[in-house]
């Protein structure tokens, strides 16, 4: 699934951010899975929508646990890369490779 800005998600949408799955509860708040404490999320935060199913356990988006794990790893890697303060062109090149690799792996294609 493609990255989106937190501000563009509807309330109730689940998403991956900072290595965890969250649920948007209001325009600026979300709760991490297993934590009822709402946190302020910047509207500009890049997140990956990750609706994993419904209350009865059926899947609504076709995402499997491996794909969700890859999304979490990708998001965490991108956040850690920001700490490296790489030149923008290097950051974007690595970001593109990381996104393509995780999407290819999640869809069953080989990574080259």
C-alpha atoms as a PDB file:
ATOM      1  CA  UNK A   1       0.000   0.000   0.000  1.00  0.00           C
ATOM      2  CA  UNK A   2       1.211   3.527  -0.751  1.00  0.00           C
ATOM      3  CA  UNK A   3       2.161   6.060   1.865  1.00  0.00           C
ATOM      4  CA  UNK A   4      -0.317   8.798   2.707  1.00  0.00           C
ATOM      5  CA  UNK A   5      -0.340  11.812   4.975  1.00  0.00           C
ATOM      6  CA  UNK A   6      -2.024  11.202   8.313  1.00  0.00           C
ATOM      7  CA  UNK A   7      -4.262  14.226   7.719  1.00  0.00           C
ATOM      8  CA  UNK A   8      -5.795  12.533   4.665  1.00  0.00           C
ATOM      9  CA  UNK A   9      -6.947   9.423   6.533  1.00  0.00           C
ATOM     10  CA  UNK A  10     -10.567   9.174   7.706  1.00  0.00           C
ATOM     11  CA  UNK A  11     -11.276   8.612  11.421  1.00  0.00           C
ATOM     12  CA  UNK A  12     -11.276   4.901  12.215  1.00  0.00           C
ATOM     13  CA  UNK A  13      -8.638   4.096   9.575  1.00  0.00           C
ATOM     14  CA  UNK A  14      -5.837   1.819  10.742  1.00  0.00           C
ATOM     15  CA  UNK A  15      -2.291   2.585   9.613  1.00  0.00           C
ATOM     16  CA  UNK A  16       1.353   1.732  10.167  1.00  0.00           C
ATOM     17  CA  UNK A  17       3.626   4.411  11.636  1.00  0.00           C
ATOM     18  CA  UNK A  18       6.859   4.202  13.609  1.00  0.00           C
ATOM     19  CA  UNK A  19       6.828   0.423  13.610  1.00  0.00           C
ATOM     20  CA  UNK A  20       3.354   0.055  15.113  1.00  0.00           C
ATOM     21  CA  UNK A  21      -0.227  -0.249  13.925  1.00  0.00           C
ATOM     22  CA  UNK A  22      -2.428   2.712  14.917  1.00  0.00           C
ATOM     23  CA  UNK A  23      -6.070   3.696  14.551  1.00  0.00           C
ATOM     24  CA  UNK A  24      -7.033   7.285  13.800  1.00  0.00           C
ATOM     25  CA  UNK A  25      -9.547   8.482  16.394  1.00  0.00           C
ATOM     26  CA  UNK A  26      -9.877  12.158  15.416  1.00  0.00           C
ATOM     27  CA  UNK A  27      -8.292  14.648  12.986  1.00  0.00           C
ATOM     28  CA  UNK A  28      -5.131  14.873  15.143  1.00  0.00           C
ATOM     29  CA  UNK A  29      -5.247  11.811  17.413  1.00  0.00           C
ATOM     30  CA  UNK A  30      -4.587   8.089  17.085  1.00  0.00           C
ATOM     31  CA  UNK A  31      -4.160   5.130  19.424  1.00  0.00           C
ATOM     32  CA  UNK A  32      -1.532   2.430  18.958  1.00  0.00           C
ATOM     33  CA  UNK A  33      -2.711  -1.172  19.102  1.00  0.00           C
ATOM     34  CA  UNK A  34      -2.702  -2.348  22.688  1.00  0.00           C
ATOM     35  CA  UNK A  35      -2.614   1.202  24.048  1.00  0.00           C
ATOM     36  CA  UNK A  36      -5.775   3.181  24.784  1.00  0.00           C
ATOM     37  CA  UNK A  37      -3.846   6.429  25.316  1.00  0.00           C
ATOM     38  CA  UNK A  38      -4.433   8.719  22.303  1.00  0.00           C
ATOM     39  CA  UNK A  39      -1.395  10.494  20.884  1.00  0.00           C
ATOM     40  CA  UNK A  40      -1.129  13.565  18.684  1.00  0.00           C
ATOM     41  CA  UNK A  41       0.044  12.624  15.192  1.00  0.00           C
ATOM     42  CA  UNK A  42       1.182  15.430  12.864  1.00  0.00           C
ATOM     43  CA  UNK A  43      -1.138  15.789   9.881  1.00  0.00           C
ATOM     44  CA  UNK A  44       1.958  15.775   7.681  1.00  0.00           C
ATOM     45  CA  UNK A  45       3.239  12.433   9.048  1.00  0.00           C
ATOM     46  CA  UNK A  46       3.758   9.844   6.297  1.00  0.00           C
ATOM     47  CA  UNK A  47       1.823   6.710   7.218  1.00  0.00           C
ATOM     48  CA  UNK A  48       0.880   3.486   5.455  1.00  0.00           C
ATOM     49  CA  UNK A  49      -2.823   2.569   5.596  1.00  0.00           C
ATOM     50  CA  UNK A  50      -2.988  -0.946   7.024  1.00  0.00           C
ATOM     51  CA  UNK A  51      -6.548  -2.018   7.710  1.00  0.00           C
ATOM     52  CA  UNK A  52      -6.043  -5.616   8.770  1.00  0.00           C
ATOM     53  CA  UNK A  53      -9.630  -6.759   9.030  1.00  0.00           C
ATOM     54  CA  UNK A  54     -12.981  -6.436  10.664  1.00  0.00           C
ATOM     55  CA  UNK A  55     -14.219  -7.205  14.159  1.00  0.00           C
ATOM     56  CA  UNK A  56     -15.164 -10.743  13.106  1.00  0.00           C
ATOM     57  CA  UNK A  57     -11.593 -11.404  11.939  1.00  0.00           C
ATOM     58  CA  UNK A  58     -12.235 -11.352   8.202  1.00  0.00           C
ATOM     59  CA  UNK A  59      -9.735  -9.468   6.091  1.00  0.00           C
ATOM     60  CA  UNK A  60     -10.895  -6.371   4.247  1.00  0.00           C
ATOM     61  CA  UNK A  61      -7.810  -5.456   2.279  1.00  0.00           C
ATOM     62  CA  UNK A  62      -6.022  -8.657   1.306  1.00  0.00           C
ATOM     63  CA  UNK A  63      -3.012  -7.798   3.484  1.00  0.00           C
ATOM     64  CA  UNK A  64      -1.355 -10.770   5.099  1.00  0.00           C
ATOM     65  CA  UNK A  65       0.824 -10.697   8.240  1.00  0.00           C
ATOM     66  CA  UNK A  66       4.036 -10.786   6.190  1.00  0.00           C
ATOM     67  CA  UNK A  67       2.971  -7.742   4.177  1.00  0.00           C
ATOM     68  CA  UNK A  68       2.067  -5.856   7.334  1.00  0.00           C
ATOM     69  CA  UNK A  69       5.407  -6.755   8.908  1.00  0.00           C
ATOM     70  CA  UNK A  70       7.201  -5.491   5.810  1.00  0.00           C
ATOM     71  CA  UNK A  71       5.247  -2.230   5.976  1.00  0.00           C
ATOM     72  CA  UNK A  72       6.277  -1.792   9.613  1.00  0.00           C
ATOM     73  CA  UNK A  73       9.927  -2.502   8.841  1.00  0.00           C
ATOM     74  CA  UNK A  74       9.865  -0.110   5.878  1.00  0.00           C
ATOM     75  CA  UNK A  75       8.312   2.673   7.941  1.00  0.00           C
ATOM     76  CA  UNK A  76      10.840   2.194  10.737  1.00  0.00           C
ATOM     77  CA  UNK A  77      13.745   2.188   8.267  1.00  0.00           C
ATOM     78  CA  UNK A  78      12.523   5.402   6.658  1.00  0.00           C
ATOM     79  CA  UNK A  79      12.227   7.077  10.042  1.00  0.00           C
ATOM     80  CA  UNK A  80      15.731   5.954  11.068  1.00  0.00           C
ATOM     81  CA  UNK A  81      17.131   7.150   7.734  1.00  0.00           C
ATOM     82  CA  UNK A  82      15.949  10.667   8.534  1.00  0.00           C
ATOM     83  CA  UNK A  83      18.315  10.639  11.518  1.00  0.00           C
ATOM     84  CA  UNK A  84      21.283  10.071   9.195  1.00  0.00           C
ATOM     85  CA  UNK A  85      20.775  13.513   7.622  1.00  0.00           C
ATOM     86  CA  UNK A  86      21.710  12.259   4.168  1.00  0.00           C
ATOM     87  CA  UNK A  87      21.680  14.621   1.189  1.00  0.00           C
ATOM     88  CA  UNK A  88      18.147  14.717  -0.248  1.00  0.00           C
ATOM     89  CA  UNK A  89      19.078  12.917  -3.493  1.00  0.00           C
ATOM     90  CA  UNK A  90      20.685  10.021  -1.586  1.00  0.00           C
ATOM     91  CA  UNK A  91      17.751   9.826   0.829  1.00  0.00           C
ATOM     92  CA  UNK A  92      15.244   9.724  -2.039  1.00  0.00           C
ATOM     93  CA  UNK A  93      17.232   7.062  -3.925  1.00  0.00           C
ATOM     94  CA  UNK A  94      17.407   4.787  -0.873  1.00  0.00           C
ATOM     95  CA  UNK A  95      13.746   5.488  -0.045  1.00  0.00           C
ATOM     96  CA  UNK A  96      12.671   4.486  -3.567  1.00  0.00           C
ATOM     97  CA  UNK A  97      14.686   1.259  -3.436  1.00  0.00           C
ATOM     98  CA  UNK A  98      13.286   0.390   0.000  1.00  0.00           C
ATOM     99  CA  UNK A  99       9.690   0.995  -1.079  1.00  0.00           C
ATOM    100  CA  UNK A 100      10.107  -1.018  -4.289  1.00  0.00           C
ATOM    101  CA  UNK A 101      11.784  -3.879  -2.438  1.00  0.00           C
ATOM    102  CA  UNK A 102       9.078  -4.159   0.214  1.00  0.00           C
ATOM    103  CA  UNK A 103       6.261  -3.874  -2.334  1.00  0.00           C
ATOM    104  CA  UNK A 104       7.864  -6.500  -4.596  1.00  0.00           C
ATOM    105  CA  UNK A 105       8.474  -8.859  -1.688  1.00  0.00           C
ATOM    106  CA  UNK A 106       4.939  -8.415  -0.357  1.00  0.00           C
ATOM    107  CA  UNK A 107       3.486  -9.164  -3.793  1.00  0.00           C
ATOM    108  CA  UNK A 108       5.655 -12.268  -4.236  1.00  0.00           C
ATOM    109  CA  UNK A 109       8.052 -10.823  -6.806  1.00  0.00           C
ATOM    110  CA  UNK A 110      11.775 -11.238  -6.412  1.00  0.00           C
ATOM    111  CA  UNK A 111      13.893  -8.323  -5.267  1.00  0.00           C
ATOM    112  CA  UNK A 112      16.748  -7.422  -7.605  1.00  0.00           C
END
